[in-house]
Protein backbone atom coordinates (compact mmCIF):
# COMPACT_ATOMS: atom_id res chain seq x y z
CA MET A 1 -23.74 -21.62 -38.62
CA PRO A 2 -24.45 -17.80 -36.84
CA ASN A 3 -25.08 -16.30 -39.64
CA SER A 4 -27.54 -18.29 -41.98
CA GLN A 5 -30.33 -16.98 -40.11
CA LYS A 6 -29.29 -13.68 -40.88
CA LEU A 7 -28.85 -14.22 -43.96
CA GLN A 8 -31.72 -15.92 -45.06
CA ASP A 9 -33.62 -13.32 -42.70
CA LEU A 10 -31.86 -10.82 -45.82
CA MET A 11 -32.18 -13.00 -48.86
CA GLN A 12 -36.44 -13.77 -48.25
CA GLN A 13 -36.97 -9.53 -48.52
CA ALA A 14 -34.86 -9.04 -51.43
CA GLY A 15 -36.87 -12.11 -53.37
CA ILE A 16 -33.88 -14.14 -53.33
CA PRO A 17 -35.16 -18.08 -52.91
CA SER A 18 -31.93 -20.18 -51.93
CA PHE A 19 -27.44 -19.28 -51.33
CA LYS A 20 -27.37 -20.94 -54.99
CA ALA A 21 -29.44 -18.15 -56.46
CA LEU A 22 -27.96 -15.24 -54.79
CA SER A 23 -24.78 -16.74 -55.40
CA ARG A 24 -25.27 -16.25 -59.04
CA ALA A 25 -27.01 -13.38 -58.60
CA ALA A 26 -24.45 -11.31 -56.85
CA GLY A 27 -21.51 -13.05 -59.07
CA VAL A 28 -19.62 -14.10 -55.69
CA SER A 29 -18.63 -18.07 -54.78
CA GLU A 30 -20.66 -20.58 -53.00
CA ARG A 31 -17.58 -21.30 -50.75
CA GLN A 32 -17.42 -17.04 -50.31
CA LEU A 33 -21.59 -17.09 -49.12
CA LEU A 34 -20.46 -20.05 -46.40
CA ARG A 35 -17.33 -18.28 -44.91
CA LEU A 36 -20.62 -14.80 -44.54
CA ARG A 37 -22.52 -17.35 -43.21
CA GLN A 38 -20.17 -18.84 -40.93
CA GLY A 39 -19.27 -15.53 -39.79
CA LYS A 40 -16.03 -14.78 -40.62
CA LEU A 41 -16.72 -11.74 -42.12
CA GLU A 42 -13.31 -10.51 -41.79
CA GLN A 43 -11.68 -12.97 -44.09
CA MET A 44 -13.87 -11.76 -46.95
CA ARG A 45 -12.64 -9.36 -50.05
CA VAL A 46 -13.67 -5.98 -49.90
CA ASP A 47 -15.51 -6.47 -53.70
CA VAL A 48 -17.10 -9.84 -52.57
CA LEU A 49 -19.36 -7.15 -50.09
CA LEU A 50 -19.62 -5.05 -52.63
CA LYS A 51 -21.35 -7.28 -55.13
CA LEU A 52 -23.42 -8.42 -52.33
CA SER A 53 -24.54 -5.81 -50.12
CA PRO A 54 -26.94 -4.23 -53.29
CA VAL A 55 -27.81 -7.80 -54.70
CA LEU A 56 -29.04 -8.06 -50.85
CA GLN A 57 -30.46 -4.11 -51.18
CA ILE A 58 -28.81 -3.11 -48.50
CA SER A 59 -25.60 -0.48 -48.30
CA LEU A 60 -21.69 -1.85 -47.25
CA ASN A 61 -21.99 -0.88 -43.48
CA GLU A 62 -24.93 -2.44 -42.86
CA LEU A 63 -23.95 -5.46 -44.16
CA ILE A 64 -20.75 -5.71 -42.08
CA ALA A 65 -22.42 -4.08 -38.98
CA THR A 66 -24.81 -7.22 -39.82
CA PHE A 67 -22.49 -9.88 -40.26
CA SER A 68 -19.30 -8.93 -38.75
CA THR A 69 -18.23 -9.90 -35.23
CA VAL A 70 -16.10 -7.00 -34.35
CA GLU A 71 -18.56 -4.76 -32.98
CA LEU A 72 -20.02 -7.74 -30.81
CA LEU A 73 -16.48 -8.95 -29.30
CA GLN A 74 -16.31 -5.07 -28.52
CA GLU A 75 -19.21 -4.68 -26.75
CA LYS A 76 -17.99 -7.82 -24.85
CA ALA A 77 -14.87 -6.59 -24.21
CA ALA A 78 -16.63 -2.83 -22.50
CA PRO A 79 -18.43 -4.00 -19.55
CA THR A 80 -14.45 -6.68 -18.83
CA GLN A 81 -13.06 -3.51 -19.16
CA GLU A 82 -15.43 -1.84 -17.40
CA LEU A 83 -14.74 -4.38 -14.55
CA LEU A 84 -11.35 -4.32 -14.99
CA GLU A 85 -10.80 -0.74 -13.83
CA GLU A 86 -13.77 -0.84 -11.07
CA ILE A 87 -11.38 -2.98 -9.76
CA ALA A 88 -8.46 -1.03 -10.01
CA ASP A 89 -10.25 1.80 -8.50
CA LEU A 90 -11.16 -1.10 -5.74
CA ARG A 91 -7.76 -1.87 -5.35
CA LYS A 92 -6.15 1.54 -4.47
CA GLU A 93 -9.36 2.27 -2.33
CA TYR A 94 -8.13 -1.12 -0.50
CA GLN A 95 -4.59 0.40 -0.48
CA ARG A 96 -5.47 3.46 0.90
CA SER A 97 -7.80 1.95 3.58
CA GLN A 98 -4.60 0.13 5.06
CA LEU A 99 -2.29 3.26 4.86
CA GLN A 100 -4.74 5.20 6.60
CA LEU A 101 -5.47 2.56 9.16
CA GLU A 102 -1.79 1.69 9.69
CA GLN A 103 -0.60 5.55 9.91
CA GLN A 104 -3.99 5.08 12.94
CA ARG A 105 -2.19 1.60 14.28
CA GLU A 106 1.07 4.26 14.66
CA ILE A 107 -0.96 7.07 15.73
CA LEU A 108 -2.25 4.98 18.71
CA LEU A 109 0.45 3.21 19.95
CA GLN A 110 2.61 6.03 20.23
CA GLU A 111 0.16 7.66 22.39
CA LEU A 112 -0.19 4.29 24.30
CA GLN A 113 3.70 4.87 24.76
CA GLN A 114 3.89 8.11 25.34
CA SER A 115 0.74 7.83 28.28
CA SER A 116 2.76 5.35 30.16
CA LEU A 117 5.67 6.68 29.63
CA GLN A 118 4.36 9.23 32.06
CA LEU A 119 2.98 7.43 34.57
CA LEU A 120 6.80 5.36 34.12
CA GLU A 121 8.29 9.17 34.60
CA SER A 122 9.24 8.71 38.14
CA LEU A 123 10.57 5.40 37.36
CA LEU A 124 12.86 5.47 34.72
CA LEU A 125 14.64 9.20 35.84
CA GLN A 126 14.68 7.51 39.44
CA TRP A 127 15.30 3.91 38.88
CA PRO A 128 18.55 4.13 37.05
CA THR A 129 20.20 6.00 40.23
CA ALA A 130 19.05 3.63 43.00
CA ALA A 131 20.05 1.07 41.15
CA GLN A 132 23.63 2.41 40.50
CA LYS A 133 23.21 2.58 44.11
CA ALA A 134 22.10 -0.97 45.35
CA GLN A 135 25.41 -2.22 42.89
CA GLU A 136 27.61 -0.40 44.00
CA ASN A 137 26.99 -1.46 48.13
CA PRO A 138 26.16 -4.75 47.63
CA GLN A 139 25.26 -4.77 51.24
CA LEU A 140 22.42 -3.17 51.12
CA PRO A 141 19.03 -5.67 50.52
CA ALA A 142 17.85 -3.78 47.16
CA ILE A 143 20.27 -4.88 45.09
CA LYS A 144 18.40 -8.73 45.42
CA ILE A 145 15.23 -7.07 43.31
CA VAL A 146 17.79 -4.51 40.85
CA PRO A 147 17.59 -7.37 38.15
CA LEU A 148 13.82 -8.02 39.12
CA VAL A 149 13.03 -4.51 37.96
CA GLN A 150 15.84 -3.43 35.79
CA LYS A 151 15.57 -6.14 32.96
CA PRO A 152 11.95 -6.24 33.06
CA LEU A 153 11.96 -2.46 32.27
CA GLU A 154 14.98 -2.70 29.86
CA LYS A 155 12.98 -4.86 27.40
CA LEU A 156 10.08 -2.45 27.61
CA LEU A 157 11.77 0.82 26.46
CA ASP A 158 14.07 -1.37 23.55
CA ALA A 159 9.94 -2.32 22.67
CA TRP A 160 9.50 1.57 22.50
CA GLY A 161 11.85 1.99 20.78
CA VAL A 162 13.74 3.86 23.73
CA GLU A 163 17.48 4.29 25.06
CA ALA A 164 19.05 6.32 27.44
CA ILE A 165 21.23 8.91 26.60
CA ALA A 166 23.54 8.02 29.11
CA PRO A 167 24.33 5.49 32.55
CA VAL A 168 24.30 6.98 35.25
CA GLY A 169 28.11 7.68 37.15
CA ALA A 170 28.87 8.33 32.95
CA LYS A 171 31.30 10.84 31.96
CA LEU A 172 30.85 13.42 29.05
CA PRO A 173 31.17 16.23 26.84
CA TYR A 174 27.95 18.65 28.27
CA ASP A 175 25.52 19.34 25.87
CA PRO A 176 23.16 21.41 26.75
CA GLN A 177 20.44 19.67 24.37
CA LEU A 178 20.63 16.38 26.01
CA HIS A 179 21.67 17.42 29.80
CA GLN A 180 20.29 19.59 32.04
CA LEU A 181 22.80 20.93 34.87
CA MET A 182 21.81 19.99 38.48
CA GLU A 183 24.32 22.45 40.10
CA GLY A 184 27.12 24.69 39.15
CA THR A 185 28.17 25.26 35.70
CA ALA A 186 29.50 24.30 32.77
CA GLN A 187 30.26 25.14 29.32
CA PRO A 188 29.10 22.67 25.92
CA GLY A 189 32.31 20.77 26.28
CA GLU A 190 32.99 20.64 28.70
CA LEU A 191 33.33 17.12 31.31
CA VAL A 192 30.73 16.14 33.88
CA LYS A 193 29.05 13.76 35.10
CA VAL A 194 25.82 11.72 34.49
CA ARG A 195 23.36 11.86 38.32
CA TYR A 196 20.20 10.84 36.58
CA THR A 197 19.66 8.83 32.99
CA GLY A 198 17.74 10.96 30.02
CA TYR A 199 16.01 9.35 27.87
CA LEU A 200 15.25 9.48 23.97
CA GLN A 201 13.07 7.39 21.40
CA GLY A 202 14.31 7.83 17.94
CA GLU A 203 14.84 11.42 17.48
CA LYS A 204 12.67 12.47 19.83
CA LEU A 205 13.65 13.79 23.24
CA LEU A 206 11.30 11.93 25.77
CA TYR A 207 13.80 13.46 29.00
CA ARG A 208 17.72 15.45 29.56
CA ALA A 209 19.45 13.79 31.30
CA LYS A 210 20.91 15.40 35.30
CA VAL A 211 23.84 15.95 35.07
CA SER A 212 26.81 17.82 37.91
CA PRO A 213 29.95 18.97 36.79
CA LEU A 214 33.36 17.17 37.59
CA THR A 215 35.14 19.44 39.20
CA GLU A 216 31.72 20.42 41.15
CA SER A 217 31.14 16.72 41.92
């Protein structure tokens, strides 16, 4: 029994030779002493503990502290709670690190796309017009290479979220935010024709489309 030795030590200090002698001296049953020896102090009545403490020559608080398992459980639980808090902190730190890495990845990807778009600027701006001219005149030898360049370029732009403002040859209302006049003048809303396409990446304007007024086309 977990508490038998503790009780025997107290009995020896108080000059009590046996459990039966303790039972008689305190006026409590041996069954109550058995509960104490089994570590079941929480199941004992307070009046029993009040009878035992003076016979054992210790205070009620000392008796409870010696035989109670509550404090022991709390002591064991404390490191566990502390460990759980540390795990929670580590989890939060991990999530913050993952978020920072994701943000850095997005920034690096945007920088890569931007630098690549700058290298491809001439192709992006000139190719749609050249392809349109080739398609208008199937006799040109260049018509055969149009699909070889156009399809991979379209896939790349689609993967990067880059879209054309309007196809070459399109007629649409003039918007100075998206269109750049190559010649003449036009008021917002007046029809213009796209000569060289422009591009958007999401809500970001990369290049304005170059247009001409229809009256001067």
